[in-house]
Amino acid sequence: ISRSIDRVDTLTIESKGRNDFVTQVDRSAEA
């Protein structure tokens, strides 16, 4: 996650609901 902070603007952001977001960082960190 720390290594991803500087590239937040390049992330694909998906919405799971209103004000509920997920990125590939969430998924990769869980993996």
PDB file of all heavy atoms in Angstrom:
ATOM      1  N   ILE A   1       0.832  -1.201   0.000  1.00  0.00           N
ATOM      2  CA  ILE A   1       0.000   0.000   0.000  1.00  0.00           C
ATOM      3  C   ILE A   1       0.871   1.258   0.000  1.00  0.00           C
ATOM      4  O   ILE A   1       0.610   2.215  -0.744  1.00  0.00           O
ATOM      5  CB  ILE A   1      -0.952  -0.008   1.217  1.00  0.00           C
ATOM      6  CG1 ILE A   1      -1.991  -1.127   1.063  1.00  0.00           C
ATOM      7  CG2 ILE A   1      -1.649   1.337   1.375  1.00  0.00           C
ATOM      8  CD1 ILE A   1      -2.757  -1.436   2.338  1.00  0.00           C
ATOM      9  N   SER A   2       1.916   1.264   0.811  1.00  0.00           N
ATOM     10  CA  SER A   2       2.803   2.428   0.893  1.00  0.00           C
ATOM     11  C   SER A   2       3.460   2.726  -0.449  1.00  0.00           C
ATOM     12  O   SER A   2       3.612   3.894  -0.836  1.00  0.00           O
ATOM     13  CB  SER A   2       3.876   2.198   1.967  1.00  0.00           C
ATOM     14  OG  SER A   2       3.291   2.124   3.255  1.00  0.00           O
ATOM     15  N   ARG A   3       3.837   1.677  -1.162  1.00  0.00           N
ATOM     16  CA  ARG A   3       4.463   1.881  -2.467  1.00  0.00           C
ATOM     17  C   ARG A   3       3.478   2.416  -3.500  1.00  0.00           C
ATOM     18  O   ARG A   3       3.877   2.928  -4.551  1.00  0.00           O
ATOM     19  CB  ARG A   3       5.078   0.564  -2.971  1.00  0.00           C
ATOM     20  CG  ARG A   3       6.257   0.067  -2.159  1.00  0.00           C
ATOM     21  CD  ARG A   3       7.011  -1.034  -2.900  1.00  0.00           C
ATOM     22  NE  ARG A   3       6.185  -2.187  -3.194  1.00  0.00           N
ATOM     23  CZ  ARG A   3       6.025  -3.230  -2.385  1.00  0.00           C
ATOM     24  NH1 ARG A   3       6.641  -3.254  -1.202  1.00  0.00           N
ATOM     25  NH2 ARG A   3       5.272  -4.253  -2.742  1.00  0.00           N
ATOM     26  N   SER A   4       2.186   2.287  -3.198  1.00  0.00           N
ATOM     27  CA  SER A   4       1.155   2.710  -4.145  1.00  0.00           C
ATOM     28  C   SER A   4       0.689   4.144  -3.914  1.00  0.00           C
ATOM     29  O   SER A   4      -0.046   4.690  -4.740  1.00  0.00           O
ATOM     30  CB  SER A   4      -0.058   1.775  -4.041  1.00  0.00           C
ATOM     31  OG  SER A   4       0.313   0.423  -4.264  1.00  0.00           O
ATOM     32  N   ILE A   5       1.093   4.752  -2.813  1.00  0.00           N
ATOM     33  CA  ILE A   5       0.585   6.076  -2.458  1.00  0.00           C
ATOM     34  C   ILE A   5       0.904   7.111  -3.525  1.00  0.00           C
ATOM     35  O   ILE A   5       0.075   7.974  -3.856  1.00  0.00           O
ATOM     36  CB  ILE A   5       1.131   6.510  -1.081  1.00  0.00           C
ATOM     37  CG1 ILE A   5       0.505   5.656   0.023  1.00  0.00           C
ATOM     38  CG2 ILE A   5       0.865   7.989  -0.830  1.00  0.00           C
ATOM     39  CD1 ILE A   5       1.080   5.903   1.403  1.00  0.00           C
ATOM     40  N   ASP A   6       2.101   7.030  -4.089  1.00  0.00           N
ATOM     41  CA  ASP A   6       2.524   8.048  -5.056  1.00  0.00           C
ATOM     42  C   ASP A   6       1.909   7.866  -6.443  1.00  0.00           C
ATOM     43  O   ASP A   6       2.147   8.686  -7.333  1.00  0.00           O
ATOM     44  CB  ASP A   6       4.058   8.058  -5.178  1.00  0.00           C
ATOM     45  CG  ASP A   6       4.724   8.567  -3.912  1.00  0.00           C
ATOM     46  OD1 ASP A   6       4.069   9.326  -3.173  1.00  0.00           O
ATOM     47  OD2 ASP A   6       5.885   8.202  -3.654  1.00  0.00           O
ATOM     48  N   ARG A   7       1.156   6.800  -6.643  1.00  0.00           N
ATOM     49  CA  ARG A   7       0.544   6.593  -7.962  1.00  0.00           C
ATOM     50  C   ARG A   7      -0.980   6.490  -7.878  1.00  0.00           C
ATOM     51  O   ARG A   7      -1.613   5.885  -8.733  1.00  0.00           O
ATOM     52  CB  ARG A   7       1.133   5.349  -8.640  1.00  0.00           C
ATOM     53  CG  ARG A   7       0.996   4.050  -7.868  1.00  0.00           C
ATOM     54  CD  ARG A   7       1.685   2.894  -8.591  1.00  0.00           C
ATOM     55  NE  ARG A   7       1.490   1.627  -7.917  1.00  0.00           N
ATOM     56  CZ  ARG A   7       0.457   0.803  -8.135  1.00  0.00           C
ATOM     57  NH1 ARG A   7      -0.459   1.123  -9.014  1.00  0.00           N
ATOM     58  NH2 ARG A   7       0.360  -0.334  -7.482  1.00  0.00           N
ATOM     59  N   VAL A   8      -1.535   7.127  -6.849  1.00  0.00           N
ATOM     60  CA  VAL A   8      -2.986   7.096  -6.667  1.00  0.00           C
ATOM     61  C   VAL A   8      -3.713   7.631  -7.898  1.00  0.00           C
ATOM     62  O   VAL A   8      -4.766   7.121  -8.296  1.00  0.00           O
ATOM     63  CB  VAL A   8      -3.390   7.905  -5.411  1.00  0.00           C
ATOM     64  CG1 VAL A   8      -4.888   8.200  -5.413  1.00  0.00           C
ATOM     65  CG2 VAL A   8      -3.020   7.137  -4.152  1.00  0.00           C
ATOM     66  N   ASP A   9      -3.126   8.663  -8.543  1.00  0.00           N
ATOM     67  CA  ASP A   9      -3.802   9.268  -9.686  1.00  0.00           C
ATOM     68  C   ASP A   9      -3.865   8.356 -10.901  1.00  0.00           C
ATOM     69  O   ASP A   9      -4.594   8.629 -11.863  1.00  0.00           O
ATOM     70  CB  ASP A   9      -3.123  10.593 -10.068  1.00  0.00           C
ATOM     71  CG  ASP A   9      -1.646  10.420 -10.404  1.00  0.00           C
ATOM     72  OD1 ASP A   9      -1.046   9.418  -9.964  1.00  0.00           O
ATOM     73  OD2 ASP A   9      -1.096  11.283 -11.102  1.00  0.00           O
ATOM     74  N   THR A  10      -3.128   7.239 -10.878  1.00  0.00           N
ATOM     75  CA  THR A  10      -3.147   6.309 -12.007  1.00  0.00           C
ATOM     76  C   THR A  10      -4.038   5.096 -11.737  1.00  0.00           C
ATOM     77  O   THR A  10      -4.205   4.249 -12.606  1.00  0.00           O
ATOM     78  CB  THR A  10      -1.727   5.796 -12.317  1.00  0.00           C
ATOM     79  OG1 THR A  10      -1.275   4.923 -11.263  1.00  0.00           O
ATOM     80  CG2 THR A  10      -0.749   6.955 -12.475  1.00  0.00           C
ATOM     81  N   LEU A  11      -4.603   4.997 -10.540  1.00  0.00           N
ATOM     82  CA  LEU A  11      -5.367   3.817 -10.171  1.00  0.00           C
ATOM     83  C   LEU A  11      -6.742   3.813 -10.806  1.00  0.00           C
ATOM     84  O   LEU A  11      -7.366   4.856 -10.997  1.00  0.00           O
ATOM     85  CB  LEU A  11      -5.532   3.746  -8.647  1.00  0.00           C
ATOM     86  CG  LEU A  11      -4.261   3.635  -7.810  1.00  0.00           C
ATOM     87  CD1 LEU A  11      -4.615   3.635  -6.323  1.00  0.00           C
ATOM     88  CD2 LEU A  11      -3.475   2.383  -8.172  1.00  0.00           C
ATOM     89  N   THR A  12      -7.208   2.620 -11.117  1.00  0.00           N
ATOM     90  CA  THR A  12      -8.582   2.432 -11.551  1.00  0.00           C
ATOM     91  C   THR A  12      -9.451   2.310 -10.312  1.00  0.00           C
ATOM     92  O   THR A  12      -9.236   1.440  -9.469  1.00  0.00           O
ATOM     93  CB  THR A  12      -8.725   1.167 -12.409  1.00  0.00           C
ATOM     94  OG1 THR A  12      -7.889   1.292 -13.564  1.00  0.00           O
ATOM     95  CG2 THR A  12     -10.167   0.971 -12.841  1.00  0.00           C
ATOM     96  N   ILE A  13     -10.428   3.203 -10.193  1.00  0.00           N
ATOM     97  CA  ILE A  13     -11.285   3.229  -9.010  1.00  0.00           C
ATOM     98  C   ILE A  13     -12.684   2.781  -9.393  1.00  0.00           C
ATOM     99  O   ILE A  13     -13.280   3.295 -10.334  1.00  0.00           O
ATOM    100  CB  ILE A  13     -11.337   4.655  -8.408  1.00  0.00           C
ATOM    101  CG1 ILE A  13      -9.918   5.138  -8.072  1.00  0.00           C
ATOM    102  CG2 ILE A  13     -12.211   4.675  -7.168  1.00  0.00           C
ATOM    103  CD1 ILE A  13      -9.855   6.610  -7.741  1.00  0.00           C
ATOM    104  N   GLU A  14     -13.190   1.800  -8.672  1.00  0.00           N
ATOM    105  CA  GLU A  14     -14.541   1.311  -8.899  1.00  0.00           C
ATOM    106  C   GLU A  14     -15.401   1.638  -7.689  1.00  0.00           C
ATOM    107  O   GLU A  14     -14.908   1.741  -6.566  1.00  0.00           O
ATOM    108  CB  GLU A  14     -14.542  -0.199  -9.128  1.00  0.00           C
ATOM    109  CG  GLU A  14     -13.732  -0.650 -10.338  1.00  0.00           C
ATOM    110  CD  GLU A  14     -13.645  -2.151 -10.430  1.00  0.00           C
ATOM    111  OE1 GLU A  14     -14.551  -2.825  -9.890  1.00  0.00           O
ATOM    112  OE2 GLU A  14     -12.672  -2.655 -11.012  1.00  0.00           O
ATOM    113  N   SER A  15     -16.694   1.791  -7.915  1.00  0.00           N
ATOM    114  CA  SER A  15     -17.629   2.065  -6.836  1.00  0.00           C
ATOM    115  C   SER A  15     -18.428   0.814  -6.515  1.00  0.00           C
ATOM    116  O   SER A  15     -19.042   0.217  -7.396  1.00  0.00           O
ATOM    117  CB  SER A  15     -18.576   3.209  -7.222  1.00  0.00           C
ATOM    118  OG  SER A  15     -19.547   3.402  -6.212  1.00  0.00           O
ATOM    119  N   LYS A  16     -18.407   0.411  -5.230  1.00  0.00           N
ATOM    120  CA  LYS A  16     -19.226  -0.706  -4.784  1.00  0.00           C
ATOM    121  C   LYS A  16     -20.585  -0.229  -4.277  1.00  0.00           C
ATOM    122  O   LYS A  16     -21.468  -1.019  -3.961  1.00  0.00           O
ATOM    123  CB  LYS A  16     -18.509  -1.478  -3.665  1.00  0.00           C
ATOM    124  CG  LYS A  16     -17.225  -2.136  -4.104  1.00  0.00           C
ATOM    125  CD  LYS A  16     -16.680  -3.068  -3.042  1.00  0.00           C
ATOM    126  CE  LYS A  16     -16.112  -2.316  -1.864  1.00  0.00           C
ATOM    127  NZ  LYS A  16     -15.466  -3.225  -0.880  1.00  0.00           N
ATOM    128  N   GLY A  17     -20.724   1.084  -4.198  1.00  0.00           N
ATOM    129  CA  GLY A  17     -21.932   1.704  -3.692  1.00  0.00           C
ATOM    130  C   GLY A  17     -21.612   3.163  -3.424  1.00  0.00           C
ATOM    131  O   GLY A  17     -20.484   3.611  -3.612  1.00  0.00           O
ATOM    132  N   ARG A  18     -22.599   3.890  -2.969  1.00  0.00           N
ATOM    133  CA  ARG A  18     -22.383   5.312  -2.699  1.00  0.00           C
ATOM    134  C   ARG A  18     -21.313   5.493  -1.630  1.00  0.00           C
ATOM    135  O   ARG A  18     -21.394   4.948  -0.542  1.00  0.00           O
ATOM    136  CB  ARG A  18     -23.691   5.973  -2.258  1.00  0.00           C
ATOM    137  CG  ARG A  18     -23.574   7.481  -2.084  1.00  0.00           C
ATOM    138  CD  ARG A  18     -24.941   8.132  -1.926  1.00  0.00           C
ATOM    139  NE  ARG A  18     -24.799   9.563  -1.730  1.00  0.00           N
ATOM    140  CZ  ARG A  18     -24.750  10.135  -0.527  1.00  0.00           C
ATOM    141  NH1 ARG A  18     -24.846   9.387   0.561  1.00  0.00           N
ATOM    142  NH2 ARG A  18     -24.621  11.436  -0.414  1.00  0.00           N
ATOM    143  N   ASN A  19     -20.268   6.254  -1.978  1.00  0.00           N
ATOM    144  CA  ASN A  19     -19.153   6.524  -1.066  1.00  0.00           C
ATOM    145  C   ASN A  19     -18.464   5.241  -0.597  1.00  0.00           C
ATOM    146  O   ASN A  19     -17.941   5.171   0.521  1.00  0.00           O
ATOM    147  CB  ASN A  19     -19.613   7.331   0.157  1.00  0.00           C
ATOM    148  CG  ASN A  19     -19.964   8.759  -0.215  1.00  0.00           C
ATOM    149  OD1 ASN A  19     -19.709   9.199  -1.333  1.00  0.00           O
ATOM    150  ND2 ASN A  19     -20.548   9.484   0.714  1.00  0.00           N
ATOM    151  N   ASP A  20     -18.449   4.222  -1.428  1.00  0.00           N
ATOM    152  CA  ASP A  20     -17.796   2.954  -1.102  1.00  0.00           C
ATOM    153  C   ASP A  20     -16.960   2.548  -2.303  1.00  0.00           C
ATOM    154  O   ASP A  20     -17.480   2.062  -3.305  1.00  0.00           O
ATOM    155  CB  ASP A  20     -18.843   1.886  -0.775  1.00  0.00           C
ATOM    156  CG  ASP A  20     -18.217   0.601  -0.255  1.00  0.00           C
ATOM    157  OD1 ASP A  20     -16.993   0.590  -0.016  1.00  0.00           O
ATOM    158  OD2 ASP A  20     -18.960  -0.378  -0.088  1.00  0.00           O
ATOM    159  N   PHE A  21     -15.659   2.772  -2.207  1.00  0.00           N
ATOM    160  CA  PHE A  21     -14.785   2.606  -3.355  1.00  0.00           C
ATOM    161  C   PHE A  21     -13.812   1.449  -3.152  1.00  0.00           C
ATOM    162  O   PHE A  21     -13.466   1.083  -2.032  1.00  0.00           O
ATOM    163  CB  PHE A  21     -13.991   3.897  -3.605  1.00  0.00           C
ATOM    164  CG  PHE A  21     -14.855   5.107  -3.811  1.00  0.00           C
ATOM    165  CD1 PHE A  21     -15.019   6.047  -2.811  1.00  0.00           C
ATOM    166  CD2 PHE A  21     -15.531   5.293  -5.011  1.00  0.00           C
ATOM    167  CE1 PHE A  21     -15.826   7.153  -2.986  1.00  0.00           C
ATOM    168  CE2 PHE A  21     -16.339   6.397  -5.209  1.00  0.00           C
ATOM    169  CZ  PHE A  21     -16.483   7.327  -4.191  1.00  0.00           C
ATOM    170  N   VAL A  22     -13.364   0.898  -4.284  1.00  0.00           N
ATOM    171  CA  VAL A  22     -12.355  -0.149  -4.260  1.00  0.00           C
ATOM    172  C   VAL A  22     -11.388   0.097  -5.406  1.00  0.00           C
ATOM    173  O   VAL A  22     -11.772   0.570  -6.477  1.00  0.00           O
ATOM    174  CB  VAL A  22     -13.000  -1.559  -4.368  1.00  0.00           C
ATOM    175  CG1 VAL A  22     -13.733  -1.725  -5.688  1.00  0.00           C
ATOM    176  CG2 VAL A  22     -11.954  -2.641  -4.189  1.00  0.00           C
ATOM    177  N   THR A  23     -10.123  -0.195  -5.180  1.00  0.00           N
ATOM    178  CA  THR A  23      -9.097  -0.042  -6.204  1.00  0.00           C
ATOM    179  C   THR A  23      -8.339  -1.353  -6.344  1.00  0.00           C
ATOM    180  O   THR A  23      -8.498  -2.276  -5.532  1.00  0.00           O
ATOM    181  CB  THR A  23      -8.091   1.064  -5.830  1.00  0.00           C
ATOM    182  OG1 THR A  23      -7.265   0.595  -4.745  1.00  0.00           O
ATOM    183  CG2 THR A  23      -8.798   2.345  -5.415  1.00  0.00           C
ATOM    184  N   GLN A  24      -7.461  -1.403  -7.355  1.00  0.00           N
ATOM    185  CA  GLN A  24      -6.635  -2.595  -7.482  1.00  0.00           C
ATOM    186  C   GLN A  24      -5.660  -2.724  -6.313  1.00  0.00           C
ATOM    187  O   GLN A  24      -5.156  -3.816  -6.044  1.00  0.00           O
ATOM    188  CB  GLN A  24      -5.872  -2.603  -8.817  1.00  0.00           C
ATOM    189  CG  GLN A  24      -4.874  -1.468  -8.999  1.00  0.00           C
ATOM    190  CD  GLN A  24      -5.434  -0.361  -9.866  1.00  0.00           C
ATOM    191  OE1 GLN A  24      -6.565   0.079  -9.668  1.00  0.00           O
ATOM    192  NE2 GLN A  24      -4.650   0.091 -10.833  1.00  0.00           N
ATOM    193  N   VAL A  25      -5.424  -1.623  -5.594  1.00  0.00           N
ATOM    194  CA  VAL A  25      -4.570  -1.702  -4.407  1.00  0.00           C
ATOM    195  C   VAL A  25      -5.257  -2.533  -3.329  1.00  0.00           C
ATOM    196  O   VAL A  25      -4.628  -3.395  -2.691  1.00  0.00           O
ATOM    197  CB  VAL A  25      -4.222  -0.296  -3.885  1.00  0.00           C
ATOM    198  CG1 VAL A  25      -3.464  -0.380  -2.555  1.00  0.00           C
ATOM    199  CG2 VAL A  25      -3.398   0.468  -4.909  1.00  0.00           C
ATOM    200  N   ASP A  26      -6.559  -2.284  -3.109  1.00  0.00           N
ATOM    201  CA  ASP A  26      -7.307  -3.096  -2.142  1.00  0.00           C
ATOM    202  C   ASP A  26      -7.216  -4.577  -2.506  1.00  0.00           C
ATOM    203  O   ASP A  26      -6.916  -5.422  -1.650  1.00  0.00           O
ATOM    204  CB  ASP A  26      -8.787  -2.696  -2.137  1.00  0.00           C
ATOM    205  CG  ASP A  26      -9.030  -1.254  -1.741  1.00  0.00           C
ATOM    206  OD1 ASP A  26      -8.689  -0.358  -2.537  1.00  0.00           O
ATOM    207  OD2 ASP A  26      -9.567  -1.029  -0.658  1.00  0.00           O
ATOM    208  N   ARG A  27      -7.491  -4.877  -3.780  1.00  0.00           N
ATOM    209  CA  ARG A  27      -7.521  -6.281  -4.200  1.00  0.00           C
ATOM    210  C   ARG A  27      -6.138  -6.914  -4.144  1.00  0.00           C
ATOM    211  O   ARG A  27      -5.987  -8.067  -3.714  1.00  0.00           O
ATOM    212  CB  ARG A  27      -8.098  -6.366  -5.609  1.00  0.00           C
ATOM    213  CG  ARG A  27      -9.572  -5.945  -5.686  1.00  0.00           C
ATOM    214  CD  ARG A  27     -10.184  -6.320  -7.027  1.00  0.00           C
ATOM    215  NE  ARG A  27     -11.605  -6.030  -7.070  1.00  0.00           N
ATOM    216  CZ  ARG A  27     -12.149  -5.002  -7.704  1.00  0.00           C
ATOM    217  NH1 ARG A  27     -11.366  -4.157  -8.374  1.00  0.00           N
ATOM    218  NH2 ARG A  27     -13.455  -4.795  -7.705  1.00  0.00           N
ATOM    219  N   SER A  28      -5.132  -6.187  -4.567  1.00  0.00           N
ATOM    220  CA  SER A  28      -3.778  -6.744  -4.554  1.00  0.00           C
ATOM    221  C   SER A  28      -3.261  -6.912  -3.130  1.00  0.00           C
ATOM    222  O   SER A  28      -2.575  -7.893  -2.817  1.00  0.00           O
ATOM    223  CB  SER A  28      -2.819  -5.846  -5.352  1.00  0.00           C
ATOM    224  OG  SER A  28      -3.186  -5.814  -6.720  1.00  0.00           O
ATOM    225  N   ALA A  29      -3.590  -5.960  -2.254  1.00  0.00           N
ATOM    226  CA  ALA A  29      -3.178  -6.082  -0.857  1.00  0.00           C
ATOM    227  C   ALA A  29      -3.826  -7.299  -0.214  1.00  0.00           C
ATOM    228  O   ALA A  29      -3.176  -8.037   0.547  1.00  0.00           O
ATOM    229  CB  ALA A  29      -3.544  -4.814  -0.092  1.00  0.00           C
ATOM    230  N   GLU A  30      -5.110  -7.537  -0.520  1.00  0.00           N
ATOM    231  CA  GLU A  30      -5.770  -8.729   0.018  1.00  0.00           C
ATOM    232  C   GLU A  30      -5.129  -9.996  -0.531  1.00  0.00           C
ATOM    233  O   GLU A  30      -4.933 -10.985   0.217  1.00  0.00           O
ATOM    234  CB  GLU A  30      -7.258  -8.706  -0.304  1.00  0.00           C
ATOM    235  CG  GLU A  30      -8.020  -9.887   0.310  1.00  0.00           C
ATOM    236  CD  GLU A  30      -9.508  -9.621   0.387  1.00  0.00           C
ATOM    237  OE1 GLU A  30      -9.900  -8.588   0.984  1.00  0.00           O
ATOM    238  OE2 GLU A  30     -10.287 -10.435  -0.136  1.00  0.00           O
ATOM    239  N   ALA A  31      -4.782  -9.991  -1.797  1.00  0.00           N
ATOM    240  CA  ALA A  31      -4.114 -11.155  -2.388  1.00  0.00           C
ATOM    241  C   ALA A  31      -2.774 -11.428  -1.707  1.00  0.00           C
ATOM    242  O   ALA A  31      -2.406 -12.592  -1.475  1.00  0.00           O
ATOM    243  CB  ALA A  31      -3.910 -10.934  -3.885  1.00  0.00           C
TER     244      ALA A  31
END
